[in-house]
Amino acid sequence: MKQSRILVIDDSTTNVVLLDAVLSEKGYQIETAMNAKDAYARIEKQLPDLILLDLLMPKISGFDFLEQLRLDERTKKTPVIVISAVNTDDENLVKIKDLDAVDFLRKPIDIQYLVNLVEQVLDKA
């Protein structure tokens, strides 16, 4: 069975370490990026099976990053779960849905819910 690759993109070291620890324990191969530039470099090396994306990042926001993913033929169908503390007003939720994100999880996240969601998404892939 293929080991699924998950790219975690978040500018918070605490969040990256937490997600890495939890998902590695479940047998996933985790790549991490602290900003969009690092994430693009990781994607260039190897496409992930799933991306966990924070929206509030320096220089290039998660929204802008997700827009660029959807414009690229190689990544336009890559599943993305948005995990953020961003204000969840209707405008942001519509934007997240329009950019074809699988789901939006508000920080602090429910770890068990996230693990279940990751398993569901990757079982479909």
PDB file of N, CA and C in Angstrom:
ATOM      1  N   MET A   1       0.844  -1.189   0.000  1.00  0.00           N
ATOM      2  CA  MET A   1       0.000   0.000   0.000  1.00  0.00           C
ATOM      3  C   MET A   1       0.891   1.255   0.000  1.00  0.00           C
ATOM      4  N   LYS A   2       0.536   2.192  -0.846  1.00  0.00           N
ATOM      5  CA  LYS A   2       1.304   3.432  -0.979  1.00  0.00           C
ATOM      6  C   LYS A   2       1.134   4.313   0.267  1.00  0.00           C
ATOM      7  N   GLN A   3       2.239   4.884   0.724  1.00  0.00           N
ATOM      8  CA  GLN A   3       2.178   5.798   1.862  1.00  0.00           C
ATOM      9  C   GLN A   3       1.804   7.183   1.335  1.00  0.00           C
ATOM     10  N   SER A   4       0.688   7.719   1.776  1.00  0.00           N
ATOM     11  CA  SER A   4       0.217   9.014   1.304  1.00  0.00           C
ATOM     12  C   SER A   4       1.097  10.143   1.821  1.00  0.00           C
ATOM     13  N   ARG A   5       1.346  11.125   0.934  1.00  0.00           N
ATOM     14  CA  ARG A   5       2.149  12.300   1.276  1.00  0.00           C
ATOM     15  C   ARG A   5       1.222  13.466   1.564  1.00  0.00           C
ATOM     16  N   ILE A   6       1.439  14.113   2.699  1.00  0.00           N
ATOM     17  CA  ILE A   6       0.652  15.277   3.098  1.00  0.00           C
ATOM     18  C   ILE A   6       1.609  16.453   3.255  1.00  0.00           C
ATOM     19  N   LEU A   7       1.258  17.561   2.612  1.00  0.00           N
ATOM     20  CA  LEU A   7       2.025  18.796   2.758  1.00  0.00           C
ATOM     21  C   LEU A   7       1.285  19.706   3.722  1.00  0.00           C
ATOM     22  N   VAL A   8       1.932  20.036   4.840  1.00  0.00           N
ATOM     23  CA  VAL A   8       1.369  20.935   5.846  1.00  0.00           C
ATOM     24  C   VAL A   8       2.006  22.305   5.635  1.00  0.00           C
ATOM     25  N   ILE A   9       1.163  23.315   5.377  1.00  0.00           N
ATOM     26  CA  ILE A   9       1.654  24.671   5.136  1.00  0.00           C
ATOM     27  C   ILE A   9       1.079  25.588   6.211  1.00  0.00           C
ATOM     28  N   ASP A  10       1.951  26.057   7.089  1.00  0.00           N
ATOM     29  CA  ASP A  10       1.524  26.916   8.193  1.00  0.00           C
ATOM     30  C   ASP A  10       2.746  27.671   8.695  1.00  0.00           C
ATOM     31  N   ASP A  11       2.575  28.959   8.981  1.00  0.00           N
ATOM     32  CA  ASP A  11       3.709  29.755   9.469  1.00  0.00           C
ATOM     33  C   ASP A  11       3.912  29.616  10.972  1.00  0.00           C
ATOM     34  N   SER A  12       3.083  28.820  11.631  1.00  0.00           N
ATOM     35  CA  SER A  12       3.234  28.579  13.067  1.00  0.00           C
ATOM     36  C   SER A  12       3.969  27.262  13.291  1.00  0.00           C
ATOM     37  N   THR A  13       5.156  27.356  13.872  1.00  0.00           N
ATOM     38  CA  THR A  13       5.939  26.154  14.160  1.00  0.00           C
ATOM     39  C   THR A  13       5.152  25.191  15.030  1.00  0.00           C
ATOM     40  N   THR A  14       4.431  25.719  16.004  1.00  0.00           N
ATOM     41  CA  THR A  14       3.638  24.881  16.909  1.00  0.00           C
ATOM     42  C   THR A  14       2.629  24.046  16.133  1.00  0.00           C
ATOM     43  N   ASN A  15       1.917  24.685  15.213  1.00  0.00           N
ATOM     44  CA  ASN A  15       0.914  23.949  14.430  1.00  0.00           C
ATOM     45  C   ASN A  15       1.561  22.918  13.517  1.00  0.00           C
ATOM     46  N   VAL A  16       2.678  23.283  12.892  1.00  0.00           N
ATOM     47  CA  VAL A  16       3.372  22.357  11.995  1.00  0.00           C
ATOM     48  C   VAL A  16       3.845  21.127  12.775  1.00  0.00           C
ATOM     49  N   VAL A  17       4.453  21.350  13.933  1.00  0.00           N
ATOM     50  CA  VAL A  17       4.963  20.241  14.747  1.00  0.00           C
ATOM     51  C   VAL A  17       3.807  19.348  15.204  1.00  0.00           C
ATOM     52  N   LEU A  18       2.717  19.935  15.644  1.00  0.00           N
ATOM     53  CA  LEU A  18       1.554  19.169  16.091  1.00  0.00           C
ATOM     54  C   LEU A  18       0.999  18.299  14.965  1.00  0.00           C
ATOM     55  N   LEU A  19       0.741  18.902  13.803  1.00  0.00           N
ATOM     56  CA  LEU A  19       0.165  18.148  12.688  1.00  0.00           C
ATOM     57  C   LEU A  19       1.129  17.073  12.192  1.00  0.00           C
ATOM     58  N   ASP A  20       2.407  17.410  12.148  1.00  0.00           N
ATOM     59  CA  ASP A  20       3.422  16.435  11.741  1.00  0.00           C
ATOM     60  C   ASP A  20       3.400  15.230  12.689  1.00  0.00           C
ATOM     61  N   ALA A  21       3.409  15.486  13.983  1.00  0.00           N
ATOM     62  CA  ALA A  21       3.440  14.401  14.973  1.00  0.00           C
ATOM     63  C   ALA A  21       2.198  13.518  14.878  1.00  0.00           C
ATOM     64  N   VAL A  22       1.037  14.135  14.838  1.00  0.00           N
ATOM     65  CA  VAL A  22      -0.224  13.387  14.823  1.00  0.00           C
ATOM     66  C   VAL A  22      -0.352  12.547  13.554  1.00  0.00           C
ATOM     67  N   LEU A  23      -0.058  13.154  12.402  1.00  0.00           N
ATOM     68  CA  LEU A  23      -0.264  12.454  11.137  1.00  0.00           C
ATOM     69  C   LEU A  23       0.854  11.457  10.828  1.00  0.00           C
ATOM     70  N   SER A  24       2.072  11.735  11.264  1.00  0.00           N
ATOM     71  CA  SER A  24       3.161  10.765  11.100  1.00  0.00           C
ATOM     72  C   SER A  24       2.857   9.495  11.883  1.00  0.00           C
ATOM     73  N   GLU A  25       2.302   9.677  13.075  1.00  0.00           N
ATOM     74  CA  GLU A  25       1.933   8.536  13.916  1.00  0.00           C
ATOM     75  C   GLU A  25       0.906   7.638  13.224  1.00  0.00           C
ATOM     76  N   LYS A  26       0.099   8.237  12.357  1.00  0.00           N
ATOM     77  CA  LYS A  26      -0.917   7.481  11.618  1.00  0.00           C
ATOM     78  C   LYS A  26      -0.354   6.851  10.341  1.00  0.00           C
ATOM     79  N   GLY A  27       0.954   7.051  10.119  1.00  0.00           N
ATOM     80  CA  GLY A  27       1.592   6.403   8.986  1.00  0.00           C
ATOM     81  C   GLY A  27       1.715   7.235   7.730  1.00  0.00           C
ATOM     82  N   TYR A  28       1.359   8.502   7.800  1.00  0.00           N
ATOM     83  CA  TYR A  28       1.477   9.364   6.632  1.00  0.00           C
ATOM     84  C   TYR A  28       2.878   9.953   6.533  1.00  0.00           C
ATOM     85  N   GLN A  29       3.312  10.197   5.309  1.00  0.00           N
ATOM     86  CA  GLN A  29       4.585  10.872   5.074  1.00  0.00           C
ATOM     87  C   GLN A  29       4.284  12.373   5.056  1.00  0.00           C
ATOM     88  N   ILE A  30       4.900  13.115   5.959  1.00  0.00           N
ATOM     89  CA  ILE A  30       4.592  14.536   6.115  1.00  0.00           C
ATOM     90  C   ILE A  30       5.735  15.397   5.589  1.00  0.00           C
ATOM     91  N   GLU A  31       5.367  16.371   4.782  1.00  0.00           N
ATOM     92  CA  GLU A  31       6.275  17.425   4.340  1.00  0.00           C
ATOM     93  C   GLU A  31       5.736  18.703   4.969  1.00  0.00           C
ATOM     94  N   THR A  32       6.605  19.610   5.339  1.00  0.00           N
ATOM     95  CA  THR A  32       6.136  20.853   5.935  1.00  0.00           C
ATOM     96  C   THR A  32       6.725  22.053   5.214  1.00  0.00           C
ATOM     97  N   ALA A  33       5.961  23.130   5.241  1.00  0.00           N
ATOM     98  CA  ALA A  33       6.409  24.398   4.673  1.00  0.00           C
ATOM     99  C   ALA A  33       5.885  25.512   5.568  1.00  0.00           C
ATOM    100  N   MET A  34       6.749  26.490   5.819  1.00  0.00           N
ATOM    101  CA  MET A  34       6.383  27.592   6.707  1.00  0.00           C
ATOM    102  C   MET A  34       5.782  28.781   5.948  1.00  0.00           C
ATOM    103  N   ASN A  35       5.820  28.719   4.608  1.00  0.00           N
ATOM    104  CA  ASN A  35       5.254  29.796   3.797  1.00  0.00           C
ATOM    105  C   ASN A  35       4.983  29.261   2.390  1.00  0.00           C
ATOM    106  N   ALA A  36       4.344  30.075   1.577  1.00  0.00           N
ATOM    107  CA  ALA A  36       3.961  29.651   0.232  1.00  0.00           C
ATOM    108  C   ALA A  36       5.177  29.348  -0.642  1.00  0.00           C
ATOM    109  N   LYS A  37       6.224  30.140  -0.505  1.00  0.00           N
ATOM    110  CA  LYS A  37       7.428  29.916  -1.322  1.00  0.00           C
ATOM    111  C   LYS A  37       8.012  28.526  -1.054  1.00  0.00           C
ATOM    112  N   ASP A  38       8.137  28.168   0.229  1.00  0.00           N
ATOM    113  CA  ASP A  38       8.617  26.828   0.591  1.00  0.00           C
ATOM    114  C   ASP A  38       7.673  25.753   0.049  1.00  0.00           C
ATOM    115  N   ALA A  39       6.385  26.015   0.129  1.00  0.00           N
ATOM    116  CA  ALA A  39       5.390  25.046  -0.338  1.00  0.00           C
ATOM    117  C   ALA A  39       5.519  24.803  -1.838  1.00  0.00           C
ATOM    118  N   TYR A  40       5.681  25.879  -2.615  1.00  0.00           N
ATOM    119  CA  TYR A  40       5.859  25.720  -4.056  1.00  0.00           C
ATOM    120  C   TYR A  40       7.080  24.848  -4.357  1.00  0.00           C
ATOM    121  N   ALA A  41       8.171  25.073  -3.619  1.00  0.00           N
ATOM    122  CA  ALA A  41       9.392  24.296  -3.829  1.00  0.00           C
ATOM    123  C   ALA A  41       9.155  22.814  -3.534  1.00  0.00           C
ATOM    124  N   ARG A  42       8.422  22.508  -2.473  1.00  0.00           N
ATOM    125  CA  ARG A  42       8.132  21.115  -2.127  1.00  0.00           C
ATOM    126  C   ARG A  42       7.247  20.456  -3.192  1.00  0.00           C
ATOM    127  N   ILE A  43       6.275  21.217  -3.680  1.00  0.00           N
ATOM    128  CA  ILE A  43       5.366  20.699  -4.709  1.00  0.00           C
ATOM    129  C   ILE A  43       6.127  20.431  -6.009  1.00  0.00           C
ATOM    130  N   GLU A  44       7.080  21.297  -6.325  1.00  0.00           N
ATOM    131  CA  GLU A  44       7.896  21.096  -7.534  1.00  0.00           C
ATOM    132  C   GLU A  44       8.658  19.774  -7.468  1.00  0.00           C
ATOM    133  N   LYS A  45       9.162  19.436  -6.277  1.00  0.00           N
ATOM    134  CA  LYS A  45       9.916  18.186  -6.109  1.00  0.00           C
ATOM    135  C   LYS A  45       9.005  16.973  -6.251  1.00  0.00           C
ATOM    136  N   GLN A  46       7.844  17.024  -5.593  1.00  0.00           N
ATOM    137  CA  GLN A  46       6.916  15.894  -5.633  1.00  0.00           C
ATOM    138  C   GLN A  46       5.528  16.377  -5.216  1.00  0.00           C
ATOM    139  N   LEU A  47       4.545  16.000  -6.010  1.00  0.00           N
ATOM    140  CA  LEU A  47       3.172  16.405  -5.708  1.00  0.00           C
ATOM    141  C   LEU A  47       2.666  15.670  -4.473  1.00  0.00           C
ATOM    142  N   PRO A  48       2.065  16.385  -3.547  1.00  0.00           N
ATOM    143  CA  PRO A  48       1.484  15.724  -2.383  1.00  0.00           C
ATOM    144  C   PRO A  48       0.122  15.109  -2.740  1.00  0.00           C
ATOM    145  N   ASP A  49      -0.323  14.183  -1.911  1.00  0.00           N
ATOM    146  CA  ASP A  49      -1.652  13.592  -2.085  1.00  0.00           C
ATOM    147  C   ASP A  49      -2.724  14.460  -1.438  1.00  0.00           C
ATOM    148  N   LEU A  50      -2.300  15.301  -0.484  1.00  0.00           N
ATOM    149  CA  LEU A  50      -3.206  16.171   0.262  1.00  0.00           C
ATOM    150  C   LEU A  50      -2.403  17.354   0.788  1.00  0.00           C
ATOM    151  N   ILE A  51      -3.061  18.512   0.843  1.00  0.00           N
ATOM    152  CA  ILE A  51      -2.438  19.705   1.415  1.00  0.00           C
ATOM    153  C   ILE A  51      -3.305  20.199   2.569  1.00  0.00           C
ATOM    154  N   LEU A  52      -2.659  20.477   3.699  1.00  0.00           N
ATOM    155  CA  LEU A  52      -3.305  21.139   4.834  1.00  0.00           C
ATOM    156  C   LEU A  52      -2.773  22.561   4.822  1.00  0.00           C
ATOM    157  N   LEU A  53      -3.666  23.533   4.685  1.00  0.00           N
ATOM    158  CA  LEU A  53      -3.259  24.911   4.399  1.00  0.00           C
ATOM    159  C   LEU A  53      -3.811  25.921   5.387  1.00  0.00           C
ATOM    160  N   ASP A  54      -2.914  26.694   5.968  1.00  0.00           N
ATOM    161  CA  ASP A  54      -3.295  27.851   6.779  1.00  0.00           C
ATOM    162  C   ASP A  54      -3.551  29.016   5.818  1.00  0.00           C
ATOM    163  N   LEU A  55      -4.467  29.898   6.168  1.00  0.00           N
ATOM    164  CA  LEU A  55      -4.757  31.048   5.308  1.00  0.00           C
ATOM    165  C   LEU A  55      -3.940  32.275   5.671  1.00  0.00           C
ATOM    166  N   LEU A  56      -3.649  32.427   6.960  1.00  0.00           N
ATOM    167  CA  LEU A  56      -2.962  33.631   7.429  1.00  0.00           C
ATOM    168  C   LEU A  56      -1.455  33.405   7.440  1.00  0.00           C
ATOM    169  N   MET A  57      -0.832  33.725   6.311  1.00  0.00           N
ATOM    170  CA  MET A  57       0.615  33.559   6.192  1.00  0.00           C
ATOM    171  C   MET A  57       1.222  34.842   5.635  1.00  0.00           C
ATOM    172  N   PRO A  58       2.519  35.042   5.898  1.00  0.00           N
ATOM    173  CA  PRO A  58       3.175  36.261   5.416  1.00  0.00           C
ATOM    174  C   PRO A  58       3.385  36.237   3.898  1.00  0.00           C
ATOM    175  N   LYS A  59       3.416  37.405   3.310  1.00  0.00           N
ATOM    176  CA  LYS A  59       3.693  37.649   1.890  1.00  0.00           C
ATOM    177  C   LYS A  59       2.629  37.097   0.964  1.00  0.00           C
ATOM    178  N   ILE A  60       2.500  35.783   0.875  1.00  0.00           N
ATOM    179  CA  ILE A  60       1.473  35.179   0.014  1.00  0.00           C
ATOM    180  C   ILE A  60       0.462  34.492   0.925  1.00  0.00           C
ATOM    181  N   SER A  61      -0.771  34.972   0.907  1.00  0.00           N
ATOM    182  CA  SER A  61      -1.792  34.401   1.791  1.00  0.00           C
ATOM    183  C   SER A  61      -2.184  33.007   1.316  1.00  0.00           C
ATOM    184  N   GLY A  62      -2.817  32.281   2.206  1.00  0.00           N
ATOM    185  CA  GLY A  62      -3.334  30.966   1.849  1.00  0.00           C
ATOM    186  C   GLY A  62      -4.353  31.046   0.724  1.00  0.00           C
ATOM    187  N   PHE A  63      -5.156  32.117   0.707  1.00  0.00           N
ATOM    188  CA  PHE A  63      -6.128  32.304  -0.380  1.00  0.00           C
ATOM    189  C   PHE A  63      -5.401  32.414  -1.725  1.00  0.00           C
ATOM    190  N   ASP A  64      -4.364  33.257  -1.769  1.00  0.00           N
ATOM    191  CA  ASP A  64      -3.607  33.440  -3.010  1.00  0.00           C
ATOM    192  C   ASP A  64      -2.906  32.146  -3.426  1.00  0.00           C
ATOM    193  N   PHE A  65      -2.365  31.444  -2.445  1.00  0.00           N
ATOM    194  CA  PHE A  65      -1.699  30.174  -2.724  1.00  0.00           C
ATOM    195  C   PHE A  65      -2.686  29.172  -3.327  1.00  0.00           C
ATOM    196  N   LEU A  66      -3.861  29.084  -2.728  1.00  0.00           N
ATOM    197  CA  LEU A  66      -4.881  28.148  -3.207  1.00  0.00           C
ATOM    198  C   LEU A  66      -5.345  28.518  -4.619  1.00  0.00           C
ATOM    199  N   GLU A  67      -5.486  29.811  -4.881  1.00  0.00           N
ATOM    200  CA  GLU A  67      -5.845  30.252  -6.234  1.00  0.00           C
ATOM    201  C   GLU A  67      -4.803  29.786  -7.238  1.00  0.00           C
ATOM    202  N   GLN A  68      -3.518  29.936  -6.901  1.00  0.00           N
ATOM    203  CA  GLN A  68      -2.447  29.510  -7.803  1.00  0.00           C
ATOM    204  C   GLN A  68      -2.451  27.995  -8.006  1.00  0.00           C
ATOM    205  N   LEU A  69      -2.730  27.243  -6.932  1.00  0.00           N
ATOM    206  CA  LEU A  69      -2.826  25.782  -7.063  1.00  0.00           C
ATOM    207  C   LEU A  69      -3.897  25.398  -8.077  1.00  0.00           C
ATOM    208  N   ARG A  70      -5.018  26.074  -8.010  1.00  0.00           N
ATOM    209  CA  ARG A  70      -6.149  25.729  -8.875  1.00  0.00           C
ATOM    210  C   ARG A  70      -5.914  26.128 -10.332  1.00  0.00           C
ATOM    211  N   LEU A  71      -5.000  27.051 -10.579  1.00  0.00           N
ATOM    212  CA  LEU A  71      -4.678  27.467 -11.948  1.00  0.00           C
ATOM    213  C   LEU A  71      -3.643  26.548 -12.601  1.00  0.00           C
ATOM    214  N   ASP A  72      -2.938  25.758 -11.795  1.00  0.00           N
ATOM    215  CA  ASP A  72      -1.892  24.877 -12.295  1.00  0.00           C
ATOM    216  C   ASP A  72      -2.496  23.504 -12.621  1.00  0.00           C
ATOM    217  N   GLU A  73      -2.303  23.040 -13.840  1.00  0.00           N
ATOM    218  CA  GLU A  73      -2.851  21.749 -14.273  1.00  0.00           C
ATOM    219  C   GLU A  73      -2.437  20.600 -13.361  1.00  0.00           C
ATOM    220  N   ARG A  74      -1.203  20.643 -12.865  1.00  0.00           N
ATOM    221  CA  ARG A  74      -0.706  19.550 -12.032  1.00  0.00           C
ATOM    222  C   ARG A  74      -1.368  19.498 -10.660  1.00  0.00           C
ATOM    223  N   THR A  75      -1.804  20.647 -10.150  1.00  0.00           N
ATOM    224  CA  THR A  75      -2.297  20.692  -8.769  1.00  0.00           C
ATOM    225  C   THR A  75      -3.770  21.084  -8.649  1.00  0.00           C
ATOM    226  N   LYS A  76      -4.427  21.310  -9.772  1.00  0.00           N
ATOM    227  CA  LYS A  76      -5.795  21.835  -9.658  1.00  0.00           C
ATOM    228  C   LYS A  76      -6.768  20.862  -8.997  1.00  0.00           C
ATOM    229  N   LYS A  77      -6.452  19.573  -9.018  1.00  0.00           N
ATOM    230  CA  LYS A  77      -7.325  18.579  -8.381  1.00  0.00           C
ATOM    231  C   LYS A  77      -6.779  18.059  -7.048  1.00  0.00           C
ATOM    232  N   THR A  78      -5.632  18.580  -6.613  1.00  0.00           N
ATOM    233  CA  THR A  78      -5.063  18.145  -5.336  1.00  0.00           C
ATOM    234  C   THR A  78      -5.993  18.566  -4.202  1.00  0.00           C
ATOM    235  N   PRO A  79      -6.421  17.620  -3.370  1.00  0.00           N
ATOM    236  CA  PRO A  79      -7.311  17.999  -2.268  1.00  0.00           C
ATOM    237  C   PRO A  79      -6.602  18.891  -1.247  1.00  0.00           C
ATOM    238  N   VAL A  80      -7.333  19.911  -0.786  1.00  0.00           N
ATOM    239  CA  VAL A  80      -6.810  20.861   0.187  1.00  0.00           C
ATOM    240  C   VAL A  80      -7.814  20.993   1.329  1.00  0.00           C
ATOM    241  N   ILE A  81      -7.316  20.838   2.542  1.00  0.00           N
ATOM    242  CA  ILE A  81      -8.113  21.124   3.740  1.00  0.00           C
ATOM    243  C   ILE A  81      -7.546  22.407   4.325  1.00  0.00           C
ATOM    244  N   VAL A  82      -8.402  23.409   4.450  1.00  0.00           N
ATOM    245  CA  VAL A  82      -7.994  24.688   5.009  1.00  0.00           C
ATOM    246  C   VAL A  82      -8.138  24.617   6.527  1.00  0.00           C
ATOM    247  N   ILE A  83      -7.062  24.988   7.219  1.00  0.00           N
ATOM    248  CA  ILE A  83      -7.056  25.015   8.683  1.00  0.00           C
ATOM    249  C   ILE A  83      -6.573  26.402   9.078  1.00  0.00           C
ATOM    250  N   SER A  84      -7.459  27.192   9.686  1.00  0.00           N
ATOM    251  CA  SER A  84      -7.066  28.572   9.942  1.00  0.00           C
ATOM    252  C   SER A  84      -7.871  29.201  11.070  1.00  0.00           C
ATOM    253  N   ALA A  85      -7.318  30.282  11.574  1.00  0.00           N
ATOM    254  CA  ALA A  85      -8.020  31.088  12.574  1.00  0.00           C
ATOM    255  C   ALA A  85      -8.685  32.287  11.911  1.00  0.00           C
ATOM    256  N   VAL A  86      -8.654  32.332  10.572  1.00  0.00           N
ATOM    257  CA  VAL A  86      -9.225  33.460   9.841  1.00  0.00           C
ATOM    258  C   VAL A  86     -10.718  33.589  10.165  1.00  0.00           C
ATOM    259  N   ASN A  87     -11.199  34.805  10.099  1.00  0.00           N
ATOM    260  CA  ASN A  87     -12.609  35.071  10.332  1.00  0.00           C
ATOM    261  C   ASN A  87     -13.449  34.254   9.343  1.00  0.00           C
ATOM    262  N   THR A  88     -14.398  33.520   9.849  1.00  0.00           N
ATOM    263  CA  THR A  88     -15.201  32.652   8.992  1.00  0.00           C
ATOM    264  C   THR A  88     -16.507  33.314   8.578  1.00  0.00           C
ATOM    265  N   ASP A  89     -16.423  34.555   8.125  1.00  0.00           N
ATOM    266  CA  ASP A  89     -17.635  35.205   7.632  1.00  0.00           C
ATOM    267  C   ASP A  89     -18.026  34.557   6.306  1.00  0.00           C
ATOM    268  N   ASP A  90     -19.228  34.874   5.853  1.00  0.00           N
ATOM    269  CA  ASP A  90     -19.756  34.240   4.646  1.00  0.00           C
ATOM    270  C   ASP A  90     -18.850  34.435   3.443  1.00  0.00           C
ATOM    271  N   GLU A  91     -18.253  35.612   3.317  1.00  0.00           N
ATOM    272  CA  GLU A  91     -17.393  35.904   2.172  1.00  0.00           C
ATOM    273  C   GLU A  91     -16.191  34.947   2.124  1.00  0.00           C
ATOM    274  N   ASN A  92     -15.550  34.752   3.272  1.00  0.00           N
ATOM    275  CA  ASN A  92     -14.404  33.845   3.320  1.00  0.00           C
ATOM    276  C   ASN A  92     -14.813  32.398   3.077  1.00  0.00           C
ATOM    277  N   LEU A  93     -15.942  31.983   3.649  1.00  0.00           N
ATOM    278  CA  LEU A  93     -16.401  30.610   3.437  1.00  0.00           C
ATOM    279  C   LEU A  93     -16.739  30.358   1.975  1.00  0.00           C
ATOM    280  N   VAL A  94     -17.356  31.329   1.319  1.00  0.00           N
ATOM    281  CA  VAL A  94     -17.680  31.201  -0.104  1.00  0.00           C
ATOM    282  C   VAL A  94     -16.391  31.108  -0.919  1.00  0.00           C
ATOM    283  N   LYS A  95     -15.412  31.942  -0.583  1.00  0.00           N
ATOM    284  CA  LYS A  95     -14.139  31.931  -1.302  1.00  0.00           C
ATOM    285  C   LYS A  95     -13.443  30.578  -1.156  1.00  0.00           C
ATOM    286  N   ILE A  96     -13.445  30.033   0.054  1.00  0.00           N
ATOM    287  CA  ILE A  96     -12.835  28.725   0.309  1.00  0.00           C
ATOM    288  C   ILE A  96     -13.539  27.648  -0.514  1.00  0.00           C
ATOM    289  N   LYS A  97     -14.856  27.689  -0.526  1.00  0.00           N
ATOM    290  CA  LYS A  97     -15.635  26.706  -1.301  1.00  0.00           C
ATOM    291  C   LYS A  97     -15.401  26.893  -2.799  1.00  0.00           C
ATOM    292  N   ASP A  98     -15.392  28.141  -3.272  1.00  0.00           N
ATOM    293  CA  ASP A  98     -15.169  28.420  -4.698  1.00  0.00           C
ATOM    294  C   ASP A  98     -13.794  27.936  -5.162  1.00  0.00           C
ATOM    295  N   LEU A  99     -12.826  27.927  -4.256  1.00  0.00           N
ATOM    296  CA  LEU A  99     -11.483  27.458  -4.591  1.00  0.00           C
ATOM    297  C   LEU A  99     -11.357  25.939  -4.410  1.00  0.00           C
ATOM    298  N   ASP A 100     -12.495  25.298  -4.225  1.00  0.00           N
ATOM    299  CA  ASP A 100     -12.595  23.842  -4.214  1.00  0.00           C
ATOM    300  C   ASP A 100     -11.823  23.180  -3.074  1.00  0.00           C
ATOM    301  N   ALA A 101     -11.820  23.827  -1.905  1.00  0.00           N
ATOM    302  CA  ALA A 101     -11.222  23.182  -0.733  1.00  0.00           C
ATOM    303  C   ALA A 101     -12.171  22.091  -0.245  1.00  0.00           C
ATOM    304  N   VAL A 102     -11.603  21.024   0.277  1.00  0.00           N
ATOM    305  CA  VAL A 102     -12.394  19.899   0.774  1.00  0.00           C
ATOM    306  C   VAL A 102     -13.228  20.332   1.975  1.00  0.00           C
ATOM    307  N   ASP A 103     -12.592  21.086   2.877  1.00  0.00           N
ATOM    308  CA  ASP A 103     -13.262  21.493   4.112  1.00  0.00           C
ATOM    309  C   ASP A 103     -12.483  22.642   4.733  1.00  0.00           C
ATOM    310  N   PHE A 104     -13.115  23.291   5.692  1.00  0.00           N
ATOM    311  CA  PHE A 104     -12.488  24.360   6.465  1.00  0.00           C
ATOM    312  C   PHE A 104     -12.565  23.977   7.934  1.00  0.00           C
ATOM    313  N   LEU A 105     -11.418  23.933   8.589  1.00  0.00           N
ATOM    314  CA  LEU A 105     -11.368  23.664  10.022  1.00  0.00           C
ATOM    315  C   LEU A 105     -10.835  24.888  10.725  1.00  0.00           C
ATOM    316  N   ARG A 106     -11.542  25.305  11.746  1.00  0.00           N
ATOM    317  CA  ARG A 106     -11.138  26.484  12.502  1.00  0.00           C
ATOM    318  C   ARG A 106     -10.173  26.082  13.610  1.00  0.00           C
ATOM    319  N   LYS A 107      -9.119  26.885  13.794  1.00  0.00           N
ATOM    320  CA  LYS A 107      -8.175  26.669  14.899  1.00  0.00           C
ATOM    321  C   LYS A 107      -8.808  27.181  16.185  1.00  0.00           C
ATOM    322  N   PRO A 108      -8.548  26.554  17.302  1.00  0.00           N
ATOM    323  CA  PRO A 108      -7.804  25.308  17.463  1.00  0.00           C
ATOM    324  C   PRO A 108      -8.612  24.129  16.905  1.00  0.00           C
ATOM    325  N   ILE A 109      -7.924  23.193  16.299  1.00  0.00           N
ATOM    326  CA  ILE A 109      -8.614  22.123  15.601  1.00  0.00           C
ATOM    327  C   ILE A 109      -8.915  20.941  16.508  1.00  0.00           C
ATOM    328  N   ASP A 110      -9.945  20.219  16.141  1.00  0.00           N
ATOM    329  CA  ASP A 110     -10.301  18.958  16.774  1.00  0.00           C
ATOM    330  C   ASP A 110      -9.453  17.895  16.070  1.00  0.00           C
ATOM    331  N   ILE A 111      -8.435  17.404  16.745  1.00  0.00           N
ATOM    332  CA  ILE A 111      -7.470  16.486  16.141  1.00  0.00           C
ATOM    333  C   ILE A 111      -8.144  15.226  15.604  1.00  0.00           C
ATOM    334  N   GLN A 112      -9.034  14.638  16.375  1.00  0.00           N
ATOM    335  CA  GLN A 112      -9.682  13.400  15.916  1.00  0.00           C
ATOM    336  C   GLN A 112     -10.518  13.645  14.666  1.00  0.00           C
ATOM    337  N   TYR A 113     -11.215  14.784  14.621  1.00  0.00           N
ATOM    338  CA  TYR A 113     -11.995  15.122  13.430  1.00  0.00           C
ATOM    339  C   TYR A 113     -11.061  15.263  12.221  1.00  0.00           C
ATOM    340  N   LEU A 114      -9.938  15.940  12.419  1.00  0.00           N
ATOM    341  CA  LEU A 114      -8.973  16.119  11.327  1.00  0.00           C
ATOM    342  C   LEU A 114      -8.457  14.771  10.832  1.00  0.00           C
ATOM    343  N   VAL A 115      -8.063  13.901  11.740  1.00  0.00           N
ATOM    344  CA  VAL A 115      -7.543  12.583  11.353  1.00  0.00           C
ATOM    345  C   VAL A 115      -8.593  11.822  10.549  1.00  0.00           C
ATOM    346  N   ASN A 116      -9.833  11.833  11.013  1.00  0.00           N
ATOM    347  CA  ASN A 116     -10.916  11.147  10.298  1.00  0.00           C
ATOM    348  C   ASN A 116     -11.107  11.740   8.906  1.00  0.00           C
ATOM    349  N   LEU A 117     -11.074  13.064   8.815  1.00  0.00           N
ATOM    350  CA  LEU A 117     -11.248  13.742   7.535  1.00  0.00           C
ATOM    351  C   LEU A 117     -10.107  13.405   6.585  1.00  0.00           C
ATOM    352  N   VAL A 118      -8.874  13.435   7.076  1.00  0.00           N
ATOM    353  CA  VAL A 118      -7.706  13.088   6.261  1.00  0.00           C
ATOM    354  C   VAL A 118      -7.850  11.669   5.726  1.00  0.00           C
ATOM    355  N   GLU A 119      -8.254  10.733   6.601  1.00  0.00           N
ATOM    356  CA  GLU A 119      -8.439   9.341   6.173  1.00  0.00           C
ATOM    357  C   GLU A 119      -9.502   9.242   5.092  1.00  0.00           C
ATOM    358  N   GLN A 120     -10.622   9.952   5.251  1.00  0.00           N
ATOM    359  CA  GLN A 120     -11.691   9.931   4.250  1.00  0.00           C
ATOM    360  C   GLN A 120     -11.197  10.465   2.908  1.00  0.00           C
ATOM    361  N   VAL A 121     -10.508  11.590   2.932  1.00  0.00           N
ATOM    362  CA  VAL A 121     -10.028  12.220   1.700  1.00  0.00           C
ATOM    363  C   VAL A 121      -9.033  11.315   0.987  1.00  0.00           C
ATOM    364  N   LEU A 122      -8.100  10.754   1.729  1.00  0.00           N
ATOM    365  CA  LEU A 122      -7.065   9.939   1.105  1.00  0.00           C
ATOM    366  C   LEU A 122      -7.565   8.562   0.685  1.00  0.00           C
ATOM    367  N   ASP A 123      -8.624   8.070   1.307  1.00  0.00           N
ATOM    368  CA  ASP A 123      -9.232   6.804   0.875  1.00  0.00           C
ATOM    369  C   ASP A 123      -9.870   6.962  -0.498  1.00  0.00           C
ATOM    370  N   LYS A 124     -10.356   8.180  -0.812  1.00  0.00           N
ATOM    371  CA  LYS A 124     -10.984   8.455  -2.103  1.00  0.00           C
ATOM    372  C   LYS A 124      -9.944   8.614  -3.209  1.00  0.00           C
ATOM    373  N   ALA A 125      -8.735   9.033  -2.818  1.00  0.00           N
ATOM    374  CA  ALA A 125      -7.707   9.351  -3.827  1.00  0.00           C
ATOM    375  C   ALA A 125      -7.208   8.113  -4.561  1.00  0.00           C
TER     376      ALA A 125
END
